[in-house]
Amino acid sequence: MSVPIDALTALVGPVEIAEDVPAQVRDRFAESVPGARVLVTTDPECEAARSRLEDGARLIAGERVKGDGLVAASALMDRMWSFGGWEVAQTHESLSNYLLEETYEVLDAILAGDREALNEELGDLLLQVLFHARIAECESTAPPVDIDTIAGALVAKLCHRSPHLAGEPSESVDIAAQERAWDALKAAEKARASSMDGIARSQPPLLLAEKVLSRAAKAGVIESADEADLEALIEQCRRADTALLGALDMLIADIRIREGRRFQNMED
């Protein structure tokens, strides 16, 4: 949370601090004085701010910066955590199914071309990121992990693997060269003994198979006989998935019909 320069003189006296203000900012004030002449808040639309504006108070606001919403979301997660309720009882493991479900809901929104749903589902996925980061922050691990170290590591990775970022945005980038640089720098960074290292084993078998084949092809070690056998197994899995999906579609349709009948009976 940044403070506009024009507001500095107003903060030398008693201030009332709204509940939405992050704890790290709140701690910088001696105390919050209810009804004080100056109100500190991150939400100019809150009831306390609106009532003061209606009474002729002056609003001193900082310019909005891209990413302010992420800061507010992180602060809200901290506030949720401070109540010690359901959130504090969760673990990485207990939330893992939610992480998968939200990811697939994002994919559904993308495939449906539903921009409004995509906005909502990406928000739900962001919640999972914030959640896991907050849980990690509470774990006594070395090195420590929190949302800032996670974001910092991402920035460092992107800058290291994308040398073109040192240039001007107006310069054209050769996509093939960009991909080669990324792969080369990643390989040097990871220093893996095998192309099979680092593959996520918890992903669905079909996705895992595609990743294995892709990695093996890049490494130039795939054998045609092994590939043919694997392709046959993949095709069997695809047919099984298609059959299961068809059965589930029928079940979903039947459940909708039953729910409709129940609702109609309740109205009658």
C-alpha atoms as a PDB file:
ATOM      1  CA  MET A   1       0.000   0.000   0.000  1.00  0.00           C
ATOM      2  CA  SER A   2       1.507   3.338  -1.082  1.00  0.00           C
ATOM      3  CA  VAL A   3       0.680   6.671   0.557  1.00  0.00           C
ATOM      4  CA  PRO A   4       0.248   9.776  -1.672  1.00  0.00           C
ATOM      5  CA  ILE A   5       2.662  12.591  -0.858  1.00  0.00           C
ATOM      6  CA  ASP A   6      -0.287  14.990  -0.374  1.00  0.00           C
ATOM      7  CA  ALA A   7      -1.532  12.782   2.455  1.00  0.00           C
ATOM      8  CA  LEU A   8       1.641  12.881   4.565  1.00  0.00           C
ATOM      9  CA  THR A   9       0.751  16.071   6.436  1.00  0.00           C
ATOM     10  CA  ALA A  10      -2.704  14.667   7.251  1.00  0.00           C
ATOM     11  CA  LEU A  11      -1.191  11.576   8.877  1.00  0.00           C
ATOM     12  CA  VAL A  12       0.764  13.366  11.597  1.00  0.00           C
ATOM     13  CA  GLY A  13      -2.266  13.526  13.909  1.00  0.00           C
ATOM     14  CA  PRO A  14      -4.877  10.995  15.089  1.00  0.00           C
ATOM     15  CA  VAL A  15      -6.242   8.747  12.333  1.00  0.00           C
ATOM     16  CA  GLU A  16      -8.947   6.123  12.061  1.00  0.00           C
ATOM     17  CA  ILE A  17      -7.713   3.000  10.271  1.00  0.00           C
ATOM     18  CA  ALA A  18     -10.292   0.993   8.355  1.00  0.00           C
ATOM     19  CA  GLU A  19     -10.391  -2.794   8.701  1.00  0.00           C
ATOM     20  CA  ASP A  20      -9.329  -3.284   5.073  1.00  0.00           C
ATOM     21  CA  VAL A  21      -5.885  -1.751   5.676  1.00  0.00           C
ATOM     22  CA  PRO A  22      -3.176  -4.468   5.679  1.00  0.00           C
ATOM     23  CA  ALA A  23      -1.641  -5.332   9.044  1.00  0.00           C
ATOM     24  CA  GLN A  24       1.862  -4.269   7.952  1.00  0.00           C
ATOM     25  CA  VAL A  25       0.526  -0.765   7.246  1.00  0.00           C
ATOM     26  CA  ARG A  26      -1.677  -0.678  10.335  1.00  0.00           C
ATOM     27  CA  ASP A  27       1.351  -1.436  12.524  1.00  0.00           C
ATOM     28  CA  ARG A  28       3.026   1.769  11.343  1.00  0.00           C
ATOM     29  CA  PHE A  29       0.440   3.859  13.185  1.00  0.00           C
ATOM     30  CA  ALA A  30       0.426   4.268  16.948  1.00  0.00           C
ATOM     31  CA  GLU A  31      -3.293   3.485  17.171  1.00  0.00           C
ATOM     32  CA  SER A  32      -6.602   3.730  15.363  1.00  0.00           C
ATOM     33  CA  VAL A  33      -8.852   6.452  16.783  1.00  0.00           C
ATOM     34  CA  PRO A  34     -12.538   5.914  15.909  1.00  0.00           C
ATOM     35  CA  GLY A  35     -14.113   9.090  14.553  1.00  0.00           C
ATOM     36  CA  ALA A  36     -10.754  10.790  13.922  1.00  0.00           C
ATOM     37  CA  ARG A  37     -10.685  13.566  11.332  1.00  0.00           C
ATOM     38  CA  VAL A  38      -8.573  11.462   8.976  1.00  0.00           C
ATOM     39  CA  LEU A  39      -9.614   8.014   7.714  1.00  0.00           C
ATOM     40  CA  VAL A  40      -7.020   5.660   6.233  1.00  0.00           C
ATOM     41  CA  THR A  41      -8.535   3.071   3.903  1.00  0.00           C
ATOM     42  CA  THR A  42      -7.738   1.125   0.733  1.00  0.00           C
ATOM     43  CA  ASP A  43     -11.388   1.221  -0.342  1.00  0.00           C
ATOM     44  CA  PRO A  44     -12.813   4.688  -1.128  1.00  0.00           C
ATOM     45  CA  GLU A  45     -16.192   3.021  -1.751  1.00  0.00           C
ATOM     46  CA  CYS A  46     -16.515   1.668   1.808  1.00  0.00           C
ATOM     47  CA  GLU A  47     -19.355   3.022   3.959  1.00  0.00           C
ATOM     48  CA  ALA A  48     -17.077   5.052   6.240  1.00  0.00           C
ATOM     49  CA  ALA A  49     -15.385   6.731   3.280  1.00  0.00           C
ATOM     50  CA  ARG A  50     -18.653   7.426   1.467  1.00  0.00           C
ATOM     51  CA  SER A  51     -20.229   9.076   4.507  1.00  0.00           C
ATOM     52  CA  ARG A  52     -17.210  11.334   4.963  1.00  0.00           C
ATOM     53  CA  LEU A  53     -17.238  12.290   1.275  1.00  0.00           C
ATOM     54  CA  GLU A  54     -20.938  13.118   1.519  1.00  0.00           C
ATOM     55  CA  ASP A  55     -20.077  15.457   4.388  1.00  0.00           C
ATOM     56  CA  GLY A  56     -17.581  17.276   2.178  1.00  0.00           C
ATOM     57  CA  ALA A  57     -14.357  15.519   3.172  1.00  0.00           C
ATOM     58  CA  ARG A  58     -11.414  15.670   0.775  1.00  0.00           C
ATOM     59  CA  LEU A  59     -10.293  12.420  -0.823  1.00  0.00           C
ATOM     60  CA  ILE A  60      -6.544  11.992  -1.250  1.00  0.00           C
ATOM     61  CA  ALA A  61      -5.921   8.863  -3.299  1.00  0.00           C
ATOM     62  CA  GLY A  62      -2.841   7.360  -4.862  1.00  0.00           C
ATOM     63  CA  GLU A  63      -2.805   6.538  -8.557  1.00  0.00           C
ATOM     64  CA  ARG A  64      -3.884   3.001  -9.312  1.00  0.00           C
ATOM     65  CA  VAL A  65      -1.037   0.779 -10.414  1.00  0.00           C
ATOM     66  CA  LYS A  66      -1.370  -2.469 -12.333  1.00  0.00           C
ATOM     67  CA  GLY A  67      -1.060  -5.181  -9.727  1.00  0.00           C
ATOM     68  CA  ASP A  68      -2.862  -3.272  -6.953  1.00  0.00           C
ATOM     69  CA  GLY A  69      -5.560  -5.933  -7.075  1.00  0.00           C
ATOM     70  CA  LEU A  70      -2.993  -8.666  -6.416  1.00  0.00           C
ATOM     71  CA  VAL A  71      -1.699  -6.767  -3.401  1.00  0.00           C
ATOM     72  CA  ALA A  72      -5.255  -6.369  -2.098  1.00  0.00           C
ATOM     73  CA  ALA A  73      -5.943 -10.088  -2.634  1.00  0.00           C
ATOM     74  CA  SER A  74      -2.804 -11.030  -0.717  1.00  0.00           C
ATOM     75  CA  ALA A  75      -3.751  -8.677   2.125  1.00  0.00           C
ATOM     76  CA  LEU A  76      -7.249 -10.182   2.229  1.00  0.00           C
ATOM     77  CA  MET A  77      -5.768 -13.675   2.517  1.00  0.00           C
ATOM     78  CA  ASP A  78      -3.743 -12.476   5.525  1.00  0.00           C
ATOM     79  CA  ARG A  79      -6.907 -11.039   7.044  1.00  0.00           C
ATOM     80  CA  MET A  80      -8.839 -14.263   6.469  1.00  0.00           C
ATOM     81  CA  TRP A  81      -5.975 -16.128   8.124  1.00  0.00           C
ATOM     82  CA  SER A  82      -6.058 -13.838  11.165  1.00  0.00           C
ATOM     83  CA  PHE A  83      -9.499 -15.129  12.203  1.00  0.00           C
ATOM     84  CA  GLY A  84      -8.120 -18.640  12.761  1.00  0.00           C
ATOM     85  CA  GLY A  85     -11.096 -20.411  11.168  1.00  0.00           C
ATOM     86  CA  TRP A  86     -11.439 -22.951   8.364  1.00  0.00           C
ATOM     87  CA  GLU A  87      -8.552 -21.441   6.417  1.00  0.00           C
ATOM     88  CA  VAL A  88      -5.960 -22.071   9.128  1.00  0.00           C
ATOM     89  CA  ALA A  89      -6.993 -25.733   9.369  1.00  0.00           C
ATOM     90  CA  GLN A  90      -6.115 -26.410   5.720  1.00  0.00           C
ATOM     91  CA  THR A  91      -2.941 -28.018   4.395  1.00  0.00           C
ATOM     92  CA  HIS A  92      -1.336 -28.343   0.975  1.00  0.00           C
ATOM     93  CA  GLU A  93      -2.768 -31.857   0.821  1.00  0.00           C
ATOM     94  CA  SER A  94      -6.318 -30.935   1.855  1.00  0.00           C
ATOM     95  CA  LEU A  95      -6.442 -28.246  -0.842  1.00  0.00           C
ATOM     96  CA  SER A  96      -4.892 -30.313  -3.637  1.00  0.00           C
ATOM     97  CA  ASN A  97      -8.254 -31.423  -5.063  1.00  0.00           C
ATOM     98  CA  TYR A  98      -9.466 -27.811  -5.115  1.00  0.00           C
ATOM     99  CA  LEU A  99      -6.331 -26.821  -7.033  1.00  0.00           C
ATOM    100  CA  LEU A 100      -7.026 -29.466  -9.680  1.00  0.00           C
ATOM    101  CA  GLU A 101     -10.732 -28.639  -9.873  1.00  0.00           C
ATOM    102  CA  GLU A 102     -10.141 -24.910 -10.277  1.00  0.00           C
ATOM    103  CA  THR A 103      -7.543 -25.579 -12.985  1.00  0.00           C
ATOM    104  CA  TYR A 104     -10.001 -27.678 -14.974  1.00  0.00           C
ATOM    105  CA  GLU A 105     -12.719 -25.036 -14.525  1.00  0.00           C
ATOM    106  CA  VAL A 106     -10.334 -22.487 -16.059  1.00  0.00           C
ATOM    107  CA  LEU A 107      -9.824 -24.885 -18.985  1.00  0.00           C
ATOM    108  CA  ASP A 108     -13.601 -25.297 -19.366  1.00  0.00           C
ATOM    109  CA  ALA A 109     -14.035 -21.514 -19.549  1.00  0.00           C
ATOM    110  CA  ILE A 110     -11.273 -21.272 -22.171  1.00  0.00           C
ATOM    111  CA  LEU A 111     -12.769 -24.047 -24.309  1.00  0.00           C
ATOM    112  CA  ALA A 112     -16.239 -22.481 -24.006  1.00  0.00           C
ATOM    113  CA  GLY A 113     -14.902 -19.059 -24.999  1.00  0.00           C
ATOM    114  CA  ASP A 114     -16.685 -17.587 -21.970  1.00  0.00           C
ATOM    115  CA  ARG A 115     -14.709 -14.488 -21.002  1.00  0.00           C
ATOM    116  CA  GLU A 116     -16.833 -13.693 -17.958  1.00  0.00           C
ATOM    117  CA  ALA A 117     -16.422 -17.222 -16.618  1.00  0.00           C
ATOM    118  CA  LEU A 118     -12.694 -17.094 -17.378  1.00  0.00           C
ATOM    119  CA  ASN A 119     -12.352 -13.966 -15.274  1.00  0.00           C
ATOM    120  CA  GLU A 120     -14.078 -15.664 -12.336  1.00  0.00           C
ATOM    121  CA  GLU A 121     -12.273 -19.004 -12.677  1.00  0.00           C
ATOM    122  CA  LEU A 122      -8.836 -17.391 -12.933  1.00  0.00           C
ATOM    123  CA  GLY A 123      -9.697 -15.569  -9.708  1.00  0.00           C
ATOM    124  CA  ASP A 124     -10.555 -18.886  -8.057  1.00  0.00           C
ATOM    125  CA  LEU A 125      -7.251 -20.324  -9.280  1.00  0.00           C
ATOM    126  CA  LEU A 126      -5.409 -17.274  -7.920  1.00  0.00           C
ATOM    127  CA  LEU A 127      -7.048 -17.951  -4.561  1.00  0.00           C
ATOM    128  CA  GLN A 128      -5.429 -21.383  -4.552  1.00  0.00           C
ATOM    129  CA  VAL A 129      -2.014 -19.844  -5.255  1.00  0.00           C
ATOM    130  CA  LEU A 130      -2.460 -17.349  -2.418  1.00  0.00           C
ATOM    131  CA  PHE A 131      -3.703 -20.135  -0.137  1.00  0.00           C
ATOM    132  CA  HIS A 132      -0.736 -22.426  -0.744  1.00  0.00           C
ATOM    133  CA  ALA A 133       1.669 -19.508  -0.396  1.00  0.00           C
ATOM    134  CA  ARG A 134       0.101 -18.557   2.958  1.00  0.00           C
ATOM    135  CA  ILE A 135       0.296 -22.134   4.227  1.00  0.00           C
ATOM    136  CA  ALA A 136       3.958 -22.335   3.192  1.00  0.00           C
ATOM    137  CA  GLU A 137       4.630 -19.074   5.018  1.00  0.00           C
ATOM    138  CA  CYS A 138       3.521 -20.680   8.274  1.00  0.00           C
ATOM    139  CA  GLU A 139       5.736 -23.717   7.827  1.00  0.00           C
ATOM    140  CA  SER A 140       9.125 -23.676   9.532  1.00  0.00           C
ATOM    141  CA  THR A 141      11.150 -24.379   6.407  1.00  0.00           C
ATOM    142  CA  ALA A 142      14.440 -23.119   5.084  1.00  0.00           C
ATOM    143  CA  PRO A 143      14.534 -21.139   2.946  1.00  0.00           C
ATOM    144  CA  PRO A 144      11.287 -19.443   4.010  1.00  0.00           C
ATOM    145  CA  VAL A 145       8.443 -19.287   1.488  1.00  0.00           C
ATOM    146  CA  ASP A 146       5.782 -16.595   1.120  1.00  0.00           C
ATOM    147  CA  ILE A 147       3.949 -14.829  -1.687  1.00  0.00           C
ATOM    148  CA  ASP A 148       6.798 -12.338  -2.182  1.00  0.00           C
ATOM    149  CA  THR A 149       9.529 -14.976  -2.426  1.00  0.00           C
ATOM    150  CA  ILE A 150       7.335 -16.927  -4.863  1.00  0.00           C
ATOM    151  CA  ALA A 151       6.756 -13.852  -7.037  1.00  0.00           C
ATOM    152  CA  GLY A 152      10.411 -12.885  -6.760  1.00  0.00           C
ATOM    153  CA  ALA A 153      11.548 -16.333  -7.871  1.00  0.00           C
ATOM    154  CA  LEU A 154       9.174 -16.142 -10.855  1.00  0.00           C
ATOM    155  CA  VAL A 155      10.521 -12.749 -11.906  1.00  0.00           C
ATOM    156  CA  ALA A 156      14.109 -13.982 -11.589  1.00  0.00           C
ATOM    157  CA  LYS A 157      13.328 -17.106 -13.640  1.00  0.00           C
ATOM    158  CA  LEU A 158      11.583 -15.174 -16.416  1.00  0.00           C
ATOM    159  CA  CYS A 159      14.375 -12.618 -16.655  1.00  0.00           C
ATOM    160  CA  HIS A 160      17.095 -15.298 -16.674  1.00  0.00           C
ATOM    161  CA  ARG A 161      15.431 -17.429 -19.350  1.00  0.00           C
ATOM    162  CA  SER A 162      14.321 -14.509 -21.521  1.00  0.00           C
ATOM    163  CA  PRO A 163      17.430 -12.535 -22.558  1.00  0.00           C
ATOM    164  CA  HIS A 164      15.318 -10.412 -24.934  1.00  0.00           C
ATOM    165  CA  LEU A 165      13.763  -8.697 -21.905  1.00  0.00           C
ATOM    166  CA  ALA A 166      16.966  -6.659 -21.658  1.00  0.00           C
ATOM    167  CA  GLY A 167      16.088  -4.997 -24.967  1.00  0.00           C
ATOM    168  CA  GLU A 168      13.404  -2.508 -25.885  1.00  0.00           C
ATOM    169  CA  PRO A 169       9.778  -3.737 -26.315  1.00  0.00           C
ATOM    170  CA  SER A 170       9.741  -2.185 -29.792  1.00  0.00           C
ATOM    171  CA  GLU A 171      12.396  -4.663 -30.972  1.00  0.00           C
ATOM    172  CA  SER A 172      10.997  -7.671 -32.821  1.00  0.00           C
ATOM    173  CA  VAL A 173      11.697 -11.070 -31.262  1.00  0.00           C
ATOM    174  CA  ASP A 174      12.300 -14.242 -33.256  1.00  0.00           C
ATOM    175  CA  ILE A 175      10.016 -16.802 -31.608  1.00  0.00           C
ATOM    176  CA  ALA A 176      12.155 -19.809 -32.605  1.00  0.00           C
ATOM    177  CA  ALA A 177      15.267 -18.142 -31.172  1.00  0.00           C
ATOM    178  CA  GLN A 178      13.324 -17.219 -28.062  1.00  0.00           C
ATOM    179  CA  GLU A 179      12.283 -20.842 -27.533  1.00  0.00           C
ATOM    180  CA  ARG A 180      15.831 -22.126 -28.125  1.00  0.00           C
ATOM    181  CA  ALA A 181      17.243 -19.653 -25.615  1.00  0.00           C
ATOM    182  CA  TRP A 182      14.592 -20.629 -23.059  1.00  0.00           C
ATOM    183  CA  ASP A 183      15.315 -24.367 -23.443  1.00  0.00           C
ATOM    184  CA  ALA A 184      19.092 -23.891 -23.326  1.00  0.00           C
ATOM    185  CA  LEU A 185      19.038 -21.680 -20.247  1.00  0.00           C
ATOM    186  CA  LYS A 186      16.542 -23.982 -18.532  1.00  0.00           C
ATOM    187  CA  ALA A 187      18.754 -27.002 -19.231  1.00  0.00           C
ATOM    188  CA  ALA A 188      21.804 -25.217 -17.820  1.00  0.00           C
ATOM    189  CA  GLU A 189      19.817 -24.031 -14.831  1.00  0.00           C
ATOM    190  CA  LYS A 190      18.318 -27.434 -13.970  1.00  0.00           C
ATOM    191  CA  ALA A 191      21.372 -29.551 -14.891  1.00  0.00           C
ATOM    192  CA  ARG A 192      19.204 -32.678 -15.063  1.00  0.00           C
ATOM    193  CA  ALA A 193      20.806 -36.080 -15.579  1.00  0.00           C
ATOM    194  CA  SER A 194      17.901 -37.344 -17.716  1.00  0.00           C
ATOM    195  CA  SER A 195      15.216 -35.906 -19.970  1.00  0.00           C
ATOM    196  CA  MET A 196      12.740 -37.765 -17.759  1.00  0.00           C
ATOM    197  CA  ASP A 197      13.683 -35.751 -14.666  1.00  0.00           C
ATOM    198  CA  GLY A 198      11.213 -33.107 -13.555  1.00  0.00           C
ATOM    199  CA  ILE A 199       8.137 -34.621 -15.211  1.00  0.00           C
ATOM    200  CA  ALA A 200       5.043 -34.169 -13.020  1.00  0.00           C
ATOM    201  CA  ARG A 201       3.976 -37.735 -12.209  1.00  0.00           C
ATOM    202  CA  SER A 202       0.676 -36.668 -10.637  1.00  0.00           C
ATOM    203  CA  GLN A 203      -0.837 -35.544 -13.953  1.00  0.00           C
ATOM    204  CA  PRO A 204      -3.379 -37.769 -15.747  1.00  0.00           C
ATOM    205  CA  PRO A 205      -1.819 -40.740 -17.604  1.00  0.00           C
ATOM    206  CA  LEU A 206      -2.649 -39.409 -21.078  1.00  0.00           C
ATOM    207  CA  LEU A 207      -0.977 -36.073 -20.365  1.00  0.00           C
ATOM    208  CA  LEU A 208       1.941 -37.871 -18.751  1.00  0.00           C
ATOM    209  CA  ALA A 209       2.334 -40.069 -21.837  1.00  0.00           C
ATOM    210  CA  GLU A 210       2.385 -37.042 -24.124  1.00  0.00           C
ATOM    211  CA  LYS A 211       5.015 -35.354 -21.958  1.00  0.00           C
ATOM    212  CA  VAL A 212       7.194 -38.490 -21.886  1.00  0.00           C
ATOM    213  CA  LEU A 213       7.045 -38.837 -25.678  1.00  0.00           C
ATOM    214  CA  SER A 214       7.747 -35.140 -26.173  1.00  0.00           C
ATOM    215  CA  ARG A 215      10.754 -35.202 -23.846  1.00  0.00           C
ATOM    216  CA  ALA A 216      12.092 -38.409 -25.405  1.00  0.00           C
ATOM    217  CA  ALA A 217      11.740 -36.971 -28.915  1.00  0.00           C
ATOM    218  CA  LYS A 218      13.625 -33.811 -27.912  1.00  0.00           C
ATOM    219  CA  ALA A 219      16.382 -35.954 -26.411  1.00  0.00           C
ATOM    220  CA  GLY A 220      16.511 -38.078 -29.581  1.00  0.00           C
ATOM    221  CA  VAL A 221      16.285 -41.373 -27.705  1.00  0.00           C
ATOM    222  CA  ILE A 222      12.792 -42.633 -28.532  1.00  0.00           C
ATOM    223  CA  GLU A 223      12.596 -46.107 -30.146  1.00  0.00           C
ATOM    224  CA  SER A 224       9.973 -46.781 -32.838  1.00  0.00           C
ATOM    225  CA  ALA A 225       8.875 -50.118 -31.302  1.00  0.00           C
ATOM    226  CA  ASP A 226       8.428 -48.586 -27.863  1.00  0.00           C
ATOM    227  CA  GLU A 227       6.593 -45.638 -29.387  1.00  0.00           C
ATOM    228  CA  ALA A 228       4.210 -47.935 -31.295  1.00  0.00           C
ATOM    229  CA  ASP A 229       3.404 -49.935 -28.175  1.00  0.00           C
ATOM    230  CA  LEU A 230       2.853 -46.775 -26.190  1.00  0.00           C
ATOM    231  CA  GLU A 231       0.642 -45.251 -28.893  1.00  0.00           C
ATOM    232  CA  ALA A 232      -1.542 -48.373 -28.799  1.00  0.00           C
ATOM    233  CA  LEU A 233      -1.937 -48.068 -25.035  1.00  0.00           C
ATOM    234  CA  ILE A 234      -2.690 -44.359 -25.356  1.00  0.00           C
ATOM    235  CA  GLU A 235      -5.400 -45.119 -27.918  1.00  0.00           C
ATOM    236  CA  GLN A 236      -6.962 -47.673 -25.552  1.00  0.00           C
ATOM    237  CA  CYS A 237      -6.984 -45.057 -22.779  1.00  0.00           C
ATOM    238  CA  ARG A 238      -8.575 -42.513 -25.110  1.00  0.00           C
ATOM    239  CA  ARG A 239     -11.359 -44.940 -26.043  1.00  0.00           C
ATOM    240  CA  ALA A 240     -11.918 -45.762 -22.372  1.00  0.00           C
ATOM    241  CA  ASP A 241     -12.008 -42.052 -21.512  1.00  0.00           C
ATOM    242  CA  THR A 242     -14.513 -41.413 -24.298  1.00  0.00           C
ATOM    243  CA  ALA A 243     -16.756 -44.241 -23.093  1.00  0.00           C
ATOM    244  CA  LEU A 244     -16.556 -43.023 -19.486  1.00  0.00           C
ATOM    245  CA  LEU A 245     -17.301 -39.444 -20.543  1.00  0.00           C
ATOM    246  CA  GLY A 246     -20.352 -40.611 -22.498  1.00  0.00           C
ATOM    247  CA  ALA A 247     -21.653 -42.552 -19.491  1.00  0.00           C
ATOM    248  CA  LEU A 248     -21.098 -39.527 -17.247  1.00  0.00           C
ATOM    249  CA  ASP A 249     -22.925 -37.239 -19.693  1.00  0.00           C
ATOM    250  CA  MET A 250     -25.908 -39.594 -19.572  1.00  0.00           C
ATOM    251  CA  LEU A 251     -25.770 -39.667 -15.773  1.00  0.00           C
ATOM    252  CA  ILE A 252     -25.609 -35.865 -15.564  1.00  0.00           C
ATOM    253  CA  ALA A 253     -28.608 -35.546 -17.895  1.00  0.00           C
ATOM    254  CA  ASP A 254     -30.572 -38.074 -15.817  1.00  0.00           C
ATOM    255  CA  ILE A 255     -29.749 -36.215 -12.588  1.00  0.00           C
ATOM    256  CA  ARG A 256     -30.942 -32.945 -14.125  1.00  0.00           C
ATOM    257  CA  ILE A 257     -34.246 -34.584 -15.082  1.00  0.00           C
ATOM    258  CA  ARG A 258     -34.694 -36.031 -11.582  1.00  0.00           C
ATOM    259  CA  GLU A 259     -33.925 -32.653  -9.996  1.00  0.00           C
ATOM    260  CA  GLY A 260     -36.459 -30.985 -12.283  1.00  0.00           C
ATOM    261  CA  ARG A 261     -39.140 -33.485 -11.289  1.00  0.00           C
ATOM    262  CA  ARG A 262     -38.386 -33.011  -7.588  1.00  0.00           C
ATOM    263  CA  PHE A 263     -38.620 -29.232  -7.937  1.00  0.00           C
ATOM    264  CA  GLN A 264     -41.906 -29.546  -9.821  1.00  0.00           C
ATOM    265  CA  ASN A 265     -43.307 -31.832  -7.101  1.00  0.00           C
ATOM    266  CA  MET A 266     -42.344 -29.308  -4.440  1.00  0.00           C
ATOM    267  CA  GLU A 267     -44.206 -26.563  -6.288  1.00  0.00           C
ATOM    268  CA  ASP A 268     -47.300 -28.765  -6.697  1.00  0.00           C
END
